[in-house]
PDB file of N, CA and C in Angstrom:
ATOM      1  N   MET A   1      99.832 132.578  89.166  1.00  0.00           N
ATOM      2  CA  MET A   1     100.149 131.227  89.462  1.00  0.00           C
ATOM      3  C   MET A   1     100.853 130.415  88.312  1.00  0.00           C
ATOM      4  N   SER A   2     102.102 129.745  88.515  1.00  0.00           N
ATOM      5  CA  SER A   2     102.508 129.120  87.473  1.00  0.00           C
ATOM      6  C   SER A   2     101.665 127.865  87.374  1.00  0.00           C
ATOM      7  N   ALA A   3     101.698 127.277  86.124  1.00  0.00           N
ATOM      8  CA  ALA A   3     101.016 125.863  85.726  1.00  0.00           C
ATOM      9  C   ALA A   3     101.251 124.756  86.740  1.00  0.00           C
ATOM     10  N   LEU A   4     102.631 124.773  86.991  1.00  0.00           N
ATOM     11  CA  LEU A   4     103.127 123.540  87.991  1.00  0.00           C
ATOM     12  C   LEU A   4     102.590 123.789  89.462  1.00  0.00           C
ATOM     13  N   ALA A   5     102.469 125.227  89.917  1.00  0.00           N
ATOM     14  CA  ALA A   5     102.038 125.429  91.050  1.00  0.00           C
ATOM     15  C   ALA A   5     100.507 124.919  91.262  1.00  0.00           C
ATOM     16  N   GLU A   6      99.771 125.284  90.065  1.00  0.00           N
ATOM     17  CA  GLU A   6      98.178 124.761  89.912  1.00  0.00           C
ATOM     18  C   GLU A   6      98.260 123.185  90.237  1.00  0.00           C
ATOM     19  N   LEU A   7      99.180 122.621  89.663  1.00  0.00           N
ATOM     20  CA  LEU A   7      99.093 121.069  89.575  1.00  0.00           C
ATOM     21  C   LEU A   7      99.103 120.602  90.904  1.00  0.00           C
ATOM     22  N   LYS A   8     100.107 121.348  91.722  1.00  0.00           N
ATOM     23  CA  LYS A   8     100.399 120.892  93.161  1.00  0.00           C
ATOM     24  C   LYS A   8      99.160 120.989  94.200  1.00  0.00           C
ATOM     25  N   GLY A   9      98.119 121.484  93.590  1.00  0.00           N
ATOM     26  CA  GLY A   9      96.875 121.889  94.688  1.00  0.00           C
ATOM     27  C   GLY A   9      96.092 120.555  94.491  1.00  0.00           C
ATOM     28  N   HIS A  10      96.441 119.307  93.948  1.00  0.00           N
ATOM     29  CA  HIS A  10      95.423 118.229  93.893  1.00  0.00           C
ATOM     30  C   HIS A  10      95.846 117.322  94.783  1.00  0.00           C
ATOM     31  N   SER A  11      94.930 116.623  95.426  1.00  0.00           N
ATOM     32  CA  SER A  11      95.108 115.755  96.744  1.00  0.00           C
ATOM     33  C   SER A  11      95.032 114.394  96.212  1.00  0.00           C
ATOM     34  N   ASP A  12      94.669 114.104  94.950  1.00  0.00           N
ATOM     35  CA  ASP A  12      94.541 112.547  94.516  1.00  0.00           C
ATOM     36  C   ASP A  12      94.907 112.336  93.012  1.00  0.00           C
ATOM     37  N   VAL A  13      95.234 111.061  92.907  1.00  0.00           N
ATOM     38  CA  VAL A  13      95.615 111.059  91.433  1.00  0.00           C
ATOM     39  C   VAL A  13      94.671 111.276  90.048  1.00  0.00           C
ATOM     40  N   SER A  14      93.415 111.059  90.561  1.00  0.00           N
ATOM     41  CA  SER A  14      92.316 111.131  89.637  1.00  0.00           C
ATOM     42  C   SER A  14      92.063 112.444  89.400  1.00  0.00           C
ATOM     43  N   SER A  15      92.114 113.471  90.341  1.00  0.00           N
ATOM     44  CA  SER A  15      91.808 114.884  90.019  1.00  0.00           C
ATOM     45  C   SER A  15      93.259 115.446  89.484  1.00  0.00           C
ATOM     46  N   LEU A  16      94.577 114.756  89.441  1.00  0.00           N
ATOM     47  CA  LEU A  16      95.687 115.171  88.997  1.00  0.00           C
ATOM     48  C   LEU A  16      95.900 114.974  87.622  1.00  0.00           C
ATOM     49  N   LYS A  17      95.387 113.705  87.265  1.00  0.00           N
ATOM     50  CA  LYS A  17      95.175 113.110  85.931  1.00  0.00           C
ATOM     51  C   LYS A  17      94.308 114.025  85.027  1.00  0.00           C
ATOM     52  N   SER A  18      92.986 114.225  85.590  1.00  0.00           N
ATOM     53  CA  SER A  18      92.299 115.415  84.696  1.00  0.00           C
ATOM     54  C   SER A  18      92.689 116.590  84.424  1.00  0.00           C
ATOM     55  N   ALA A  19      93.664 117.234  85.740  1.00  0.00           N
ATOM     56  CA  ALA A  19      94.035 118.534  85.564  1.00  0.00           C
ATOM     57  C   ALA A  19      95.142 118.426  84.441  1.00  0.00           C
ATOM     58  N   LEU A  20      96.041 117.417  84.444  1.00  0.00           N
ATOM     59  CA  LEU A  20      96.946 117.186  83.523  1.00  0.00           C
ATOM     60  C   LEU A  20      96.467 117.191  81.980  1.00  0.00           C
ATOM     61  N   HIS A  21      95.455 116.442  81.951  1.00  0.00           N
ATOM     62  CA  HIS A  21      94.694 116.421  80.367  1.00  0.00           C
ATOM     63  C   HIS A  21      94.317 117.879  80.122  1.00  0.00           C
ATOM     64  N   GLN A  22      93.641 118.487  80.911  1.00  0.00           N
ATOM     65  CA  GLN A  22      93.229 119.675  80.730  1.00  0.00           C
ATOM     66  C   GLN A  22      94.260 120.628  80.378  1.00  0.00           C
ATOM     67  N   LEU A  23      95.447 120.559  81.042  1.00  0.00           N
ATOM     68  CA  LEU A  23      96.624 121.545  80.869  1.00  0.00           C
ATOM     69  C   LEU A  23      97.506 121.069  79.405  1.00  0.00           C
ATOM     70  N   CYS A  24      97.585 120.089  79.265  1.00  0.00           N
ATOM     71  CA  CYS A  24      98.323 119.583  78.357  1.00  0.00           C
ATOM     72  C   CYS A  24      97.512 119.531  76.674  1.00  0.00           C
ATOM     73  N   SER A  25      96.069 119.650  76.974  1.00  0.00           N
ATOM     74  CA  SER A  25      95.471 119.897  75.693  1.00  0.00           C
ATOM     75  C   SER A  25      95.682 121.298  74.907  1.00  0.00           C
ATOM     76  N   GLU A  26      96.315 122.210  75.648  1.00  0.00           N
ATOM     77  CA  GLU A  26      96.759 123.488  75.135  1.00  0.00           C
ATOM     78  C   GLU A  26      97.944 123.179  74.183  1.00  0.00           C
ATOM     79  N   PHE A  27      98.564 122.052  74.429  1.00  0.00           N
ATOM     80  CA  PHE A  27      99.842 121.965  73.531  1.00  0.00           C
ATOM     81  C   PHE A  27      99.606 120.592  72.673  1.00  0.00           C
ATOM     82  N   GLY A  28      98.552 119.667  72.865  1.00  0.00           N
ATOM     83  CA  GLY A  28      98.462 118.741  71.933  1.00  0.00           C
ATOM     84  C   GLY A  28      97.773 117.641  72.854  1.00  0.00           C
ATOM     85  N   ARG A  29      97.904 116.411  72.292  1.00  0.00           N
ATOM     86  CA  ARG A  29      97.420 115.359  73.051  1.00  0.00           C
ATOM     87  C   ARG A  29      98.420 114.427  73.830  1.00  0.00           C
ATOM     88  N   ILE A  30      97.992 113.917  74.919  1.00  0.00           N
ATOM     89  CA  ILE A  30      98.870 113.035  75.780  1.00  0.00           C
ATOM     90  C   ILE A  30      98.635 111.753  75.181  1.00  0.00           C
ATOM     91  N   THR A  31      99.670 111.103  74.740  1.00  0.00           N
ATOM     92  CA  THR A  31      99.894 109.787  74.176  1.00  0.00           C
ATOM     93  C   THR A  31     100.062 108.743  75.323  1.00  0.00           C
ATOM     94  N   ARG A  32     100.809 109.161  76.279  1.00  0.00           N
ATOM     95  CA  ARG A  32     100.940 108.087  77.387  1.00  0.00           C
ATOM     96  C   ARG A  32     101.086 109.030  78.737  1.00  0.00           C
ATOM     97  N   LEU A  33     100.598 108.475  79.765  1.00  0.00           N
ATOM     98  CA  LEU A  33     100.535 109.159  81.176  1.00  0.00           C
ATOM     99  C   LEU A  33     100.552 108.052  82.069  1.00  0.00           C
ATOM    100  N   ASP A  34     101.769 108.184  82.836  1.00  0.00           N
ATOM    101  CA  ASP A  34     101.907 107.010  84.113  1.00  0.00           C
ATOM    102  C   ASP A  34     102.244 107.938  85.197  1.00  0.00           C
ATOM    103  N   ILE A  35     101.394 107.570  86.378  1.00  0.00           N
ATOM    104  CA  ILE A  35     101.766 108.028  87.453  1.00  0.00           C
ATOM    105  C   ILE A  35     102.132 107.327  88.772  1.00  0.00           C
ATOM    106  N   LEU A  36     103.340 107.499  89.224  1.00  0.00           N
ATOM    107  CA  LEU A  36     103.545 106.452  90.402  1.00  0.00           C
ATOM    108  C   LEU A  36     103.642 107.252  91.736  1.00  0.00           C
ATOM    109  N   THR A  37     102.786 106.704  92.566  1.00  0.00           N
ATOM    110  CA  THR A  37     102.594 107.290  94.014  1.00  0.00           C
ATOM    111  C   THR A  37     103.624 106.907  94.783  1.00  0.00           C
ATOM    112  N   ALA A  38     103.915 107.694  95.679  1.00  0.00           N
ATOM    113  CA  ALA A  38     105.173 107.259  96.762  1.00  0.00           C
ATOM    114  C   ALA A  38     105.119 108.240  97.909  1.00  0.00           C
ATOM    115  N   MET A  39     105.687 107.468  98.874  1.00  0.00           N
ATOM    116  CA  MET A  39     105.752 108.239 100.344  1.00  0.00           C
ATOM    117  C   MET A  39     107.272 108.868 100.513  1.00  0.00           C
ATOM    118  N   HIS A  40     107.459 110.180 100.702  1.00  0.00           N
ATOM    119  CA  HIS A  40     108.733 110.689 100.854  1.00  0.00           C
ATOM    120  C   HIS A  40     108.902 111.564 101.879  1.00  0.00           C
ATOM    121  N   GLU A  41     109.520 111.289 103.188  1.00  0.00           N
ATOM    122  CA  GLU A  41     109.642 112.210 104.206  1.00  0.00           C
ATOM    123  C   GLU A  41     108.165 112.448 104.582  1.00  0.00           C
ATOM    124  N   GLY A  42     107.212 111.732 104.582  1.00  0.00           N
ATOM    125  CA  GLY A  42     106.091 111.986 105.122  1.00  0.00           C
ATOM    126  C   GLY A  42     105.170 112.628 104.161  1.00  0.00           C
ATOM    127  N   ASN A  43     105.410 112.913 102.947  1.00  0.00           N
ATOM    128  CA  ASN A  43     104.571 113.429 101.991  1.00  0.00           C
ATOM    129  C   ASN A  43     104.179 112.415 100.955  1.00  0.00           C
ATOM    130  N   ARG A  44     103.005 112.280 100.585  1.00  0.00           N
ATOM    131  CA  ARG A  44     102.356 111.475  99.433  1.00  0.00           C
ATOM    132  C   ARG A  44     102.757 112.168  98.165  1.00  0.00           C
ATOM    133  N   GLN A  45     103.586 111.564  97.421  1.00  0.00           N
ATOM    134  CA  GLN A  45     103.931 112.338  96.028  1.00  0.00           C
ATOM    135  C   GLN A  45     103.467 111.458  94.972  1.00  0.00           C
ATOM    136  N   ALA A  46     103.111 112.389  93.754  1.00  0.00           N
ATOM    137  CA  ALA A  46     103.005 111.858  92.557  1.00  0.00           C
ATOM    138  C   ALA A  46     104.126 111.859  91.476  1.00  0.00           C
ATOM    139  N   ILE A  47     104.678 110.847  91.082  1.00  0.00           N
ATOM    140  CA  ILE A  47     105.933 111.040  90.081  1.00  0.00           C
ATOM    141  C   ILE A  47     105.129 110.795  88.526  1.00  0.00           C
ATOM    142  N   CYS A  48     105.342 111.901  87.876  1.00  0.00           N
ATOM    143  CA  CYS A  48     104.511 111.810  86.700  1.00  0.00           C
ATOM    144  C   CYS A  48     105.424 111.729  85.492  1.00  0.00           C
ATOM    145  N   PHE A  49     105.029 110.644  84.766  1.00  0.00           N
ATOM    146  CA  PHE A  49     105.792 110.197  83.306  1.00  0.00           C
ATOM    147  C   PHE A  49     104.858 110.522  82.218  1.00  0.00           C
ATOM    148  N   LEU A  50     105.157 111.533  81.320  1.00  0.00           N
ATOM    149  CA  LEU A  50     104.019 111.749  80.039  1.00  0.00           C
ATOM    150  C   LEU A  50     104.725 111.696  78.948  1.00  0.00           C
ATOM    151  N   ARG A  51     104.050 111.502  77.899  1.00  0.00           N
ATOM    152  CA  ARG A  51     104.506 111.640  76.197  1.00  0.00           C
ATOM    153  C   ARG A  51     103.380 112.291  75.844  1.00  0.00           C
ATOM    154  N   MET A  52     103.824 113.271  74.642  1.00  0.00           N
ATOM    155  CA  MET A  52     102.769 113.954  73.790  1.00  0.00           C
ATOM    156  C   MET A  52     102.996 113.298  72.437  1.00  0.00           C
ATOM    157  N   GLU A  53     102.106 113.697  71.604  1.00  0.00           N
ATOM    158  CA  GLU A  53     102.276 113.151  70.204  1.00  0.00           C
ATOM    159  C   GLU A  53     103.492 113.676  69.468  1.00  0.00           C
ATOM    160  N   ARG A  54     104.112 114.848  69.777  1.00  0.00           N
ATOM    161  CA  ARG A  54     104.956 115.243  69.016  1.00  0.00           C
ATOM    162  C   ARG A  54     106.164 115.691  70.015  1.00  0.00           C
ATOM    163  N   PRO A  55     107.570 115.907  69.734  1.00  0.00           N
ATOM    164  CA  PRO A  55     108.614 116.177  70.595  1.00  0.00           C
ATOM    165  C   PRO A  55     108.248 117.839  70.647  1.00  0.00           C
ATOM    166  N   GLU A  56     107.760 118.462  69.781  1.00  0.00           N
ATOM    167  CA  GLU A  56     107.559 119.855  69.782  1.00  0.00           C
ATOM    168  C   GLU A  56     106.658 120.361  70.950  1.00  0.00           C
ATOM    169  N   GLN A  57     105.633 119.682  71.012  1.00  0.00           N
ATOM    170  CA  GLN A  57     104.650 119.657  72.158  1.00  0.00           C
ATOM    171  C   GLN A  57     105.231 119.407  73.403  1.00  0.00           C
ATOM    172  N   GLU A  58     106.085 118.480  73.569  1.00  0.00           N
ATOM    173  CA  GLU A  58     106.896 117.990  74.826  1.00  0.00           C
ATOM    174  C   GLU A  58     107.775 119.317  75.234  1.00  0.00           C
ATOM    175  N   GLN A  59     108.357 119.709  74.137  1.00  0.00           N
ATOM    176  CA  GLN A  59     109.526 121.019  74.464  1.00  0.00           C
ATOM    177  C   GLN A  59     108.614 122.189  75.060  1.00  0.00           C
ATOM    178  N   GLN A  60     107.467 122.381  74.397  1.00  0.00           N
ATOM    179  CA  GLN A  60     106.630 123.472  74.871  1.00  0.00           C
ATOM    180  C   GLN A  60     106.066 123.416  76.367  1.00  0.00           C
ATOM    181  N   LEU A  61     105.575 122.116  76.561  1.00  0.00           N
ATOM    182  CA  LEU A  61     105.002 121.836  77.975  1.00  0.00           C
ATOM    183  C   LEU A  61     106.283 121.887  79.038  1.00  0.00           C
ATOM    184  N   MET A  62     107.415 121.319  78.693  1.00  0.00           N
ATOM    185  CA  MET A  62     108.341 121.414  79.599  1.00  0.00           C
ATOM    186  C   MET A  62     108.910 122.784  80.017  1.00  0.00           C
ATOM    187  N   LYS A  63     108.938 123.708  79.042  1.00  0.00           N
ATOM    188  CA  LYS A  63     109.127 125.165  79.018  1.00  0.00           C
ATOM    189  C   LYS A  63     107.943 125.660  80.119  1.00  0.00           C
ATOM    190  N   THR A  64     106.888 125.286  79.709  1.00  0.00           N
ATOM    191  CA  THR A  64     105.775 126.006  80.595  1.00  0.00           C
ATOM    192  C   THR A  64     105.920 125.706  82.019  1.00  0.00           C
ATOM    193  N   LEU A  65     106.167 124.192  82.322  1.00  0.00           N
ATOM    194  CA  LEU A  65     106.086 123.797  83.591  1.00  0.00           C
ATOM    195  C   LEU A  65     107.536 123.968  84.337  1.00  0.00           C
ATOM    196  N   GLY A  66     108.450 124.163  83.464  1.00  0.00           N
ATOM    197  CA  GLY A  66     109.822 124.289  84.209  1.00  0.00           C
ATOM    198  C   GLY A  66     110.326 122.915  84.544  1.00  0.00           C
ATOM    199  N   VAL A  67     110.060 122.010  83.830  1.00  0.00           N
ATOM    200  CA  VAL A  67     110.498 120.484  84.020  1.00  0.00           C
ATOM    201  C   VAL A  67     111.294 119.954  83.142  1.00  0.00           C
ATOM    202  N   GLY A  68     111.788 118.682  83.346  1.00  0.00           N
ATOM    203  CA  GLY A  68     112.740 118.247  82.098  1.00  0.00           C
ATOM    204  C   GLY A  68     112.394 116.692  81.752  1.00  0.00           C
ATOM    205  N   ARG A  69     113.269 115.941  81.141  1.00  0.00           N
ATOM    206  CA  ARG A  69     112.790 114.536  80.567  1.00  0.00           C
ATOM    207  C   ARG A  69     113.809 113.764  81.032  1.00  0.00           C
ATOM    208  N   PHE A  70     113.473 112.460  81.215  1.00  0.00           N
ATOM    209  CA  PHE A  70     114.099 111.371  81.847  1.00  0.00           C
ATOM    210  C   PHE A  70     113.724 110.235  80.998  1.00  0.00           C
ATOM    211  N   GLY A  71     114.601 109.429  80.429  1.00  0.00           N
ATOM    212  CA  GLY A  71     114.327 108.131  79.586  1.00  0.00           C
ATOM    213  C   GLY A  71     113.621 108.626  78.314  1.00  0.00           C
ATOM    214  N   GLY A  72     113.531 109.597  77.704  1.00  0.00           N
ATOM    215  CA  GLY A  72     112.445 109.924  76.632  1.00  0.00           C
ATOM    216  C   GLY A  72     111.276 110.399  77.121  1.00  0.00           C
ATOM    217  N   GLU A  73     111.059 110.459  78.592  1.00  0.00           N
ATOM    218  CA  GLU A  73     109.722 111.010  78.908  1.00  0.00           C
ATOM    219  C   GLU A  73     109.751 112.487  79.555  1.00  0.00           C
ATOM    220  N   VAL A  74     108.665 113.103  79.680  1.00  0.00           N
ATOM    221  CA  VAL A  74     108.727 114.228  80.553  1.00  0.00           C
ATOM    222  C   VAL A  74     108.286 113.754  81.922  1.00  0.00           C
ATOM    223  N   VAL A  75     109.301 114.187  82.875  1.00  0.00           N
ATOM    224  CA  VAL A  75     109.157 113.659  84.229  1.00  0.00           C
ATOM    225  C   VAL A  75     108.989 115.044  85.165  1.00  0.00           C
ATOM    226  N   PHE A  76     108.126 114.835  86.156  1.00  0.00           N
ATOM    227  CA  PHE A  76     108.169 115.829  87.244  1.00  0.00           C
ATOM    228  C   PHE A  76     107.615 115.115  88.465  1.00  0.00           C
ATOM    229  N   VAL A  77     107.730 115.616  89.632  1.00  0.00           N
ATOM    230  CA  VAL A  77     107.344 115.286  90.835  1.00  0.00           C
ATOM    231  C   VAL A  77     106.346 116.171  91.711  1.00  0.00           C
ATOM    232  N   LEU A  78     105.065 115.983  92.084  1.00  0.00           N
ATOM    233  CA  LEU A  78     104.271 116.679  92.799  1.00  0.00           C
ATOM    234  C   LEU A  78     103.894 116.138  94.209  1.00  0.00           C
ATOM    235  N   ASN A  79     103.888 117.023  95.214  1.00  0.00           N
ATOM    236  CA  ASN A  79     103.428 116.534  96.436  1.00  0.00           C
ATOM    237  C   ASN A  79     101.937 116.386  96.395  1.00  0.00           C
ATOM    238  N   LEU A  80     101.096 115.370  96.757  1.00  0.00           N
ATOM    239  CA  LEU A  80      99.794 115.136  96.776  1.00  0.00           C
ATOM    240  C   LEU A  80      99.201 115.488  98.123  1.00  0.00           C
ATOM    241  N   GLY A  81      98.287 116.313  98.342  1.00  0.00           N
ATOM    242  CA  GLY A  81      97.613 116.723  99.611  1.00  0.00           C
ATOM    243  C   GLY A  81      98.262 117.062 100.692  1.00  0.00           C
ATOM    244  N   VAL A  82      97.909 116.825 101.966  1.00  0.00           N
ATOM    245  CA  VAL A  82      98.463 116.982 103.134  1.00  0.00           C
ATOM    246  C   VAL A  82      99.533 115.839 103.429  1.00  0.00           C
ATOM    247  N   PRO A  83     100.539 116.116 104.311  1.00  0.00           N
ATOM    248  CA  PRO A  83     101.390 114.821 104.702  1.00  0.00           C
ATOM    249  C   PRO A  83     100.576 113.889 105.380  1.00  0.00           C
ATOM    250  N   GLU A  84     100.941 112.785 105.413  1.00  0.00           N
ATOM    251  CA  GLU A  84     100.599 111.531 106.023  1.00  0.00           C
ATOM    252  C   GLU A  84     101.058 111.746 107.561  1.00  0.00           C
ATOM    253  N   SER A  85     100.152 111.336 108.423  1.00  0.00           N
ATOM    254  CA  SER A  85     100.638 111.523 109.971  1.00  0.00           C
ATOM    255  C   SER A  85     101.250 110.203 110.339  1.00  0.00           C
ATOM    256  N   ALA A  86     100.848 108.963 109.774  1.00  0.00           N
ATOM    257  CA  ALA A  86     101.283 107.935 110.009  1.00  0.00           C
ATOM    258  C   ALA A  86     102.454 107.306 108.970  1.00  0.00           C
ATOM    259  N   TYR A  87     103.543 107.851 108.846  1.00  0.00           N
ATOM    260  CA  TYR A  87     104.413 107.563 107.975  1.00  0.00           C
ATOM    261  C   TYR A  87     105.126 106.351 108.241  1.00  0.00           C
ATOM    262  N   ALA A  88     105.157 105.382 107.568  1.00  0.00           N
ATOM    263  CA  ALA A  88     105.771 104.035 107.875  1.00  0.00           C
ATOM    264  C   ALA A  88     106.818 103.632 107.075  1.00  0.00           C
ATOM    265  N   GLY A  89     107.580 104.695 106.488  1.00  0.00           N
ATOM    266  CA  GLY A  89     108.587 104.401 105.610  1.00  0.00           C
ATOM    267  C   GLY A  89     108.572 104.514 104.201  1.00  0.00           C
ATOM    268  N   PRO A  90     109.524 104.294 103.369  1.00  0.00           N
ATOM    269  CA  PRO A  90     109.253 104.697 101.830  1.00  0.00           C
ATOM    270  C   PRO A  90     108.303 103.528 101.263  1.00  0.00           C
ATOM    271  N   SER A  91     107.305 103.866 100.473  1.00  0.00           N
ATOM    272  CA  SER A  91     106.492 103.256  99.914  1.00  0.00           C
ATOM    273  C   SER A  91     106.051 103.794  98.713  1.00  0.00           C
ATOM    274  N   SER A  92     105.756 102.913  97.486  1.00  0.00           N
ATOM    275  CA  SER A  92     105.280 103.525  96.168  1.00  0.00           C
ATOM    276  C   SER A  92     104.470 102.422  95.383  1.00  0.00           C
ATOM    277  N   GLN A  93     103.666 102.903  94.584  1.00  0.00           N
ATOM    278  CA  GLN A  93     102.879 101.891  93.836  1.00  0.00           C
ATOM    279  C   GLN A  93     102.387 102.770  92.509  1.00  0.00           C
ATOM    280  N   TRP A  94     102.459 102.086  91.317  1.00  0.00           N
ATOM    281  CA  TRP A  94     101.640 102.608  90.231  1.00  0.00           C
ATOM    282  C   TRP A  94     100.296 102.908  90.144  1.00  0.00           C
ATOM    283  N   ALA A  95      99.827 104.100  89.901  1.00  0.00           N
ATOM    284  CA  ALA A  95      98.528 104.449  89.768  1.00  0.00           C
ATOM    285  C   ALA A  95      97.803 103.910  88.523  1.00  0.00           C
ATOM    286  N   ASP A  96      96.634 103.553  88.280  1.00  0.00           N
ATOM    287  CA  ASP A  96      95.802 103.098  87.346  1.00  0.00           C
ATOM    288  C   ASP A  96      96.284 104.287  86.123  1.00  0.00           C
ATOM    289  N   SER A  97      96.660 103.879  84.899  1.00  0.00           N
ATOM    290  CA  SER A  97      97.052 105.079  83.922  1.00  0.00           C
ATOM    291  C   SER A  97      96.113 104.678  82.538  1.00  0.00           C
ATOM    292  N   ASN A  98      95.086 104.217  82.721  1.00  0.00           N
ATOM    293  CA  ASN A  98      94.240 103.870  81.530  1.00  0.00           C
ATOM    294  C   ASN A  98      93.764 105.263  80.843  1.00  0.00           C
ATOM    295  N   LEU A  99      94.380 105.442  79.688  1.00  0.00           N
ATOM    296  CA  LEU A  99      94.135 106.866  79.096  1.00  0.00           C
ATOM    297  C   LEU A  99      92.668 106.800  78.353  1.00  0.00           C
ATOM    298  N   TYR A 100      92.127 105.699  78.238  1.00  0.00           N
ATOM    299  CA  TYR A 100      90.784 105.535  77.599  1.00  0.00           C
ATOM    300  C   TYR A 100      89.699 105.597  78.331  1.00  0.00           C
ATOM    301  N   ASP A 101      89.593 106.237  79.384  1.00  0.00           N
ATOM    302  CA  ASP A 101      88.445 106.392  80.494  1.00  0.00           C
ATOM    303  C   ASP A 101      87.441 107.171  79.984  1.00  0.00           C
TER     304      ASP A 101
END
């Protein structure tokens, strides 16, 4: 199973953040992690923006996950859990991204 596929199995932002820190520790330390949650076509999604200490670490992470960069940050989108049954249109909000928990 690919690293990105493993991340797709999380149903909430908290467990996703923990899994990202664990996965990225293989490459170095995350210096910034922001997760925007959104609804898209009935699916709850996590849009992840992250930075590592060094560009080489980010390159290796992007290669491993098969993702890219946008605005200087590593960016990728994951579906969280099961589709919402009561979809009321587009919605998004920033998740708490305190790295020092």
